[in-house]
Amino acid sequence: MRITFIGAGNMASALVGGLLANGRDAGSIQAVDPSDAQRERVAAQFGIACHAGIDEAGDCDAYVLAVKPQNAAEVVRPLASRMVCSFCFW
């Protein structure tokens, strides 16, 4: 299963670290973040691919929103055309 984290800050880092600690292959995880510094930090720390935009990330099996709630609406718009089925848990 290929997982894409939308956001590469503290929340994503904690989740990625947990996945890797439990045996997930770094090649199956990627992150998208607009910040060059965040992408570089997360890529170096965890060995995962990091991209500036969702279009660079390609396809995946699951998206994990790892952004602040006030940014969620803006961030999910580009994902709408990629979703076949979506679930929202609040």
N, C-alpha and C. Protein backbone atom coordinates (compact mmCIF):
# COMPACT_ATOMS: atom_id res chain seq x y z
N MET A 1 0.84 -1.17 0.00
CA MET A 1 0.00 0.00 0.00
C MET A 1 0.89 1.23 0.00
N ARG A 2 0.68 2.12 -0.93
CA ARG A 2 1.44 3.37 -1.05
C ARG A 2 0.64 4.48 -0.36
N ILE A 3 1.30 5.17 0.59
CA ILE A 3 0.64 6.20 1.39
C ILE A 3 1.26 7.56 1.07
N THR A 4 0.41 8.56 0.86
CA THR A 4 0.87 9.93 0.64
C THR A 4 0.37 10.80 1.77
N PHE A 5 1.30 11.43 2.46
CA PHE A 5 0.96 12.39 3.51
C PHE A 5 0.86 13.77 2.87
N ILE A 6 -0.24 14.42 3.12
CA ILE A 6 -0.43 15.79 2.67
C ILE A 6 -0.05 16.66 3.86
N GLY A 7 1.13 17.25 3.77
CA GLY A 7 1.73 17.98 4.88
C GLY A 7 2.90 17.17 5.39
N ALA A 8 3.98 17.85 5.73
CA ALA A 8 5.19 17.16 6.19
C ALA A 8 5.72 17.80 7.47
N GLY A 9 4.80 18.24 8.30
CA GLY A 9 5.19 18.87 9.56
C GLY A 9 5.28 17.87 10.70
N ASN A 10 5.05 18.35 11.90
CA ASN A 10 5.18 17.51 13.10
C ASN A 10 4.20 16.33 13.11
N MET A 11 2.96 16.58 12.71
CA MET A 11 1.96 15.51 12.72
C MET A 11 2.38 14.39 11.75
N ALA A 12 2.74 14.76 10.54
CA ALA A 12 3.16 13.75 9.55
C ALA A 12 4.42 13.05 10.02
N SER A 13 5.36 13.79 10.57
CA SER A 13 6.62 13.19 11.03
C SER A 13 6.37 12.13 12.09
N ALA A 14 5.47 12.40 13.01
CA ALA A 14 5.16 11.43 14.06
C ALA A 14 4.55 10.17 13.45
N LEU A 15 3.64 10.34 12.53
CA LEU A 15 2.99 9.18 11.90
C LEU A 15 3.96 8.39 11.02
N VAL A 16 4.75 9.09 10.23
CA VAL A 16 5.73 8.42 9.38
C VAL A 16 6.73 7.66 10.24
N GLY A 17 7.22 8.30 11.29
CA GLY A 17 8.15 7.62 12.20
C GLY A 17 7.56 6.36 12.79
N GLY A 18 6.30 6.41 13.18
CA GLY A 18 5.63 5.23 13.72
C GLY A 18 5.48 4.12 12.69
N LEU A 19 5.11 4.49 11.47
CA LEU A 19 4.98 3.49 10.42
C LEU A 19 6.31 2.80 10.14
N LEU A 20 7.36 3.59 10.05
CA LEU A 20 8.68 3.02 9.77
C LEU A 20 9.17 2.16 10.93
N ALA A 21 8.91 2.59 12.15
CA ALA A 21 9.31 1.82 13.34
C ALA A 21 8.59 0.48 13.40
N ASN A 22 7.43 0.40 12.77
CA ASN A 22 6.66 -0.84 12.77
C ASN A 22 6.83 -1.65 11.49
N GLY A 23 7.88 -1.35 10.74
CA GLY A 23 8.22 -2.19 9.61
C GLY A 23 7.78 -1.73 8.24
N ARG A 24 7.09 -0.62 8.13
CA ARG A 24 6.67 -0.14 6.81
C ARG A 24 7.92 0.27 6.02
N ASP A 25 7.96 -0.06 4.74
CA ASP A 25 9.07 0.30 3.86
C ASP A 25 8.99 1.78 3.50
N ALA A 26 10.11 2.49 3.63
CA ALA A 26 10.14 3.92 3.33
C ALA A 26 9.73 4.21 1.88
N GLY A 27 9.96 3.25 0.99
CA GLY A 27 9.58 3.43 -0.41
C GLY A 27 8.08 3.45 -0.64
N SER A 28 7.30 3.05 0.35
CA SER A 28 5.85 3.04 0.20
C SER A 28 5.20 4.28 0.79
N ILE A 29 6.03 5.22 1.27
CA ILE A 29 5.52 6.44 1.91
C ILE A 29 6.10 7.64 1.19
N GLN A 30 5.26 8.64 0.97
CA GLN A 30 5.72 9.90 0.42
C GLN A 30 4.96 11.03 1.08
N ALA A 31 5.47 12.24 0.94
CA ALA A 31 4.82 13.40 1.53
C ALA A 31 4.81 14.54 0.52
N VAL A 32 3.81 15.40 0.69
CA VAL A 32 3.68 16.60 -0.14
C VAL A 32 3.64 17.79 0.81
N ASP A 33 4.48 18.78 0.55
CA ASP A 33 4.52 19.97 1.39
C ASP A 33 5.08 21.12 0.56
N PRO A 34 4.51 22.32 0.68
CA PRO A 34 5.01 23.45 -0.12
C PRO A 34 6.36 24.00 0.36
N SER A 35 6.77 23.68 1.57
CA SER A 35 8.00 24.22 2.14
C SER A 35 9.22 23.40 1.74
N ASP A 36 10.18 24.03 1.08
CA ASP A 36 11.42 23.36 0.71
C ASP A 36 12.12 22.79 1.95
N ALA A 37 12.17 23.60 3.01
CA ALA A 37 12.87 23.19 4.23
C ALA A 37 12.21 21.97 4.86
N GLN A 38 10.88 21.95 4.90
CA GLN A 38 10.18 20.79 5.48
C GLN A 38 10.42 19.53 4.66
N ARG A 39 10.34 19.67 3.35
CA ARG A 39 10.56 18.50 2.48
C ARG A 39 11.96 17.95 2.66
N GLU A 40 12.94 18.83 2.70
CA GLU A 40 14.33 18.39 2.87
C GLU A 40 14.54 17.71 4.22
N ARG A 41 13.96 18.29 5.27
CA ARG A 41 14.11 17.72 6.61
C ARG A 41 13.50 16.33 6.70
N VAL A 42 12.27 16.19 6.23
CA VAL A 42 11.56 14.90 6.32
C VAL A 42 12.23 13.85 5.43
N ALA A 43 12.64 14.24 4.23
CA ALA A 43 13.32 13.29 3.34
C ALA A 43 14.62 12.79 3.98
N ALA A 44 15.37 13.70 4.58
CA ALA A 44 16.63 13.31 5.21
C ALA A 44 16.41 12.47 6.47
N GLN A 45 15.41 12.84 7.25
CA GLN A 45 15.15 12.13 8.51
C GLN A 45 14.62 10.72 8.30
N PHE A 46 13.71 10.56 7.32
CA PHE A 46 13.02 9.28 7.17
C PHE A 46 13.35 8.52 5.89
N GLY A 47 13.99 9.16 4.93
CA GLY A 47 14.31 8.49 3.68
C GLY A 47 13.11 8.28 2.78
N ILE A 48 12.10 9.14 2.90
CA ILE A 48 10.92 9.03 2.04
C ILE A 48 10.99 10.09 0.95
N ALA A 49 10.24 9.88 -0.11
CA ALA A 49 10.15 10.87 -1.18
C ALA A 49 9.26 12.01 -0.73
N CYS A 50 9.67 13.23 -1.05
CA CYS A 50 8.88 14.41 -0.70
C CYS A 50 8.73 15.27 -1.94
N HIS A 51 7.53 15.81 -2.13
CA HIS A 51 7.20 16.57 -3.32
C HIS A 51 6.60 17.92 -2.95
N ALA A 52 6.75 18.89 -3.85
CA ALA A 52 6.20 20.23 -3.62
C ALA A 52 4.70 20.29 -3.88
N GLY A 53 4.21 19.45 -4.77
CA GLY A 53 2.79 19.48 -5.12
C GLY A 53 2.24 18.08 -5.32
N ILE A 54 0.94 17.97 -5.22
CA ILE A 54 0.27 16.67 -5.34
C ILE A 54 0.46 16.07 -6.73
N ASP A 55 0.57 16.91 -7.75
CA ASP A 55 0.74 16.38 -9.10
C ASP A 55 2.08 15.67 -9.28
N GLU A 56 3.08 16.06 -8.51
CA GLU A 56 4.39 15.41 -8.57
C GLU A 56 4.39 14.05 -7.88
N ALA A 57 3.45 13.85 -6.96
CA ALA A 57 3.44 12.65 -6.14
C ALA A 57 2.97 11.41 -6.88
N GLY A 58 2.18 11.55 -7.90
CA GLY A 58 1.66 10.39 -8.60
C GLY A 58 0.56 9.70 -7.81
N ASP A 59 0.23 8.50 -8.20
CA ASP A 59 -0.88 7.77 -7.57
C ASP A 59 -0.46 7.14 -6.25
N CYS A 60 -1.46 6.90 -5.42
CA CYS A 60 -1.23 6.20 -4.16
C CYS A 60 -2.51 5.48 -3.78
N ASP A 61 -2.45 4.69 -2.72
CA ASP A 61 -3.61 3.96 -2.25
C ASP A 61 -4.36 4.70 -1.16
N ALA A 62 -3.64 5.54 -0.41
CA ALA A 62 -4.27 6.27 0.70
C ALA A 62 -3.61 7.62 0.89
N TYR A 63 -4.43 8.62 1.16
CA TYR A 63 -3.94 9.95 1.51
C TYR A 63 -4.18 10.15 3.00
N VAL A 64 -3.20 10.75 3.65
CA VAL A 64 -3.34 11.11 5.06
C VAL A 64 -3.19 12.62 5.14
N LEU A 65 -4.27 13.29 5.56
CA LEU A 65 -4.21 14.74 5.74
C LEU A 65 -3.49 15.04 7.04
N ALA A 66 -2.37 15.70 6.94
CA ALA A 66 -1.58 16.04 8.12
C ALA A 66 -1.35 17.55 8.12
N VAL A 67 -2.47 18.27 8.08
CA VAL A 67 -2.42 19.74 8.05
C VAL A 67 -3.33 20.28 9.15
N LYS A 68 -3.13 21.54 9.47
CA LYS A 68 -3.99 22.19 10.45
C LYS A 68 -5.40 22.30 9.89
N PRO A 69 -6.41 22.18 10.74
CA PRO A 69 -7.80 22.19 10.26
C PRO A 69 -8.15 23.41 9.40
N GLN A 70 -7.62 24.56 9.74
CA GLN A 70 -7.95 25.76 8.97
C GLN A 70 -7.38 25.72 7.55
N ASN A 71 -6.45 24.81 7.27
CA ASN A 71 -5.87 24.68 5.94
C ASN A 71 -6.46 23.51 5.15
N ALA A 72 -7.27 22.71 5.79
CA ALA A 72 -7.76 21.47 5.17
C ALA A 72 -8.56 21.71 3.89
N ALA A 73 -9.47 22.65 3.89
CA ALA A 73 -10.31 22.88 2.71
C ALA A 73 -9.47 23.23 1.48
N GLU A 74 -8.49 24.07 1.66
CA GLU A 74 -7.62 24.46 0.56
C GLU A 74 -6.79 23.29 0.04
N VAL A 75 -6.34 22.47 0.95
CA VAL A 75 -5.45 21.36 0.63
C VAL A 75 -6.19 20.23 -0.09
N VAL A 76 -7.44 19.98 0.25
CA VAL A 76 -8.15 18.84 -0.35
C VAL A 76 -8.70 19.13 -1.74
N ARG A 77 -8.83 20.37 -2.12
CA ARG A 77 -9.38 20.68 -3.45
C ARG A 77 -8.66 19.94 -4.58
N PRO A 78 -7.33 19.97 -4.63
CA PRO A 78 -6.65 19.24 -5.72
C PRO A 78 -6.83 17.72 -5.65
N LEU A 79 -7.24 17.20 -4.51
CA LEU A 79 -7.43 15.77 -4.37
C LEU A 79 -8.78 15.30 -4.89
N ALA A 80 -9.73 16.20 -5.02
CA ALA A 80 -11.10 15.82 -5.37
C ALA A 80 -11.16 15.00 -6.65
N SER A 81 -10.40 15.37 -7.66
CA SER A 81 -10.46 14.64 -8.93
C SER A 81 -9.79 13.27 -8.85
N ARG A 82 -9.00 13.02 -7.81
CA ARG A 82 -8.31 11.74 -7.65
C ARG A 82 -9.12 10.73 -6.85
N MET A 83 -10.15 11.18 -6.16
CA MET A 83 -10.88 10.31 -5.24
C MET A 83 -11.96 9.51 -5.97
N VAL A 84 -11.92 8.23 -5.74
CA VAL A 84 -12.97 7.35 -6.23
C VAL A 84 -14.02 7.22 -5.16
N CYS A 85 -13.57 7.08 -3.95
CA CYS A 85 -14.43 6.96 -2.78
C CYS A 85 -13.72 7.66 -1.64
N SER A 86 -14.43 8.43 -0.85
CA SER A 86 -13.76 9.10 0.25
C SER A 86 -14.57 8.94 1.52
N PHE A 87 -13.87 8.94 2.62
CA PHE A 87 -14.47 8.86 3.95
C PHE A 87 -13.90 10.00 4.76
N CYS A 88 -14.71 10.56 5.59
CA CYS A 88 -14.24 11.66 6.41
C CYS A 88 -14.54 11.36 7.87
N PHE A 89 -13.55 11.37 8.69
CA PHE A 89 -13.70 11.13 10.11
C PHE A 89 -13.36 12.40 10.86
N TRP A 90 -14.25 12.87 11.66
CA TRP A 90 -14.00 14.11 12.43
C TRP A 90 -14.10 13.80 13.87
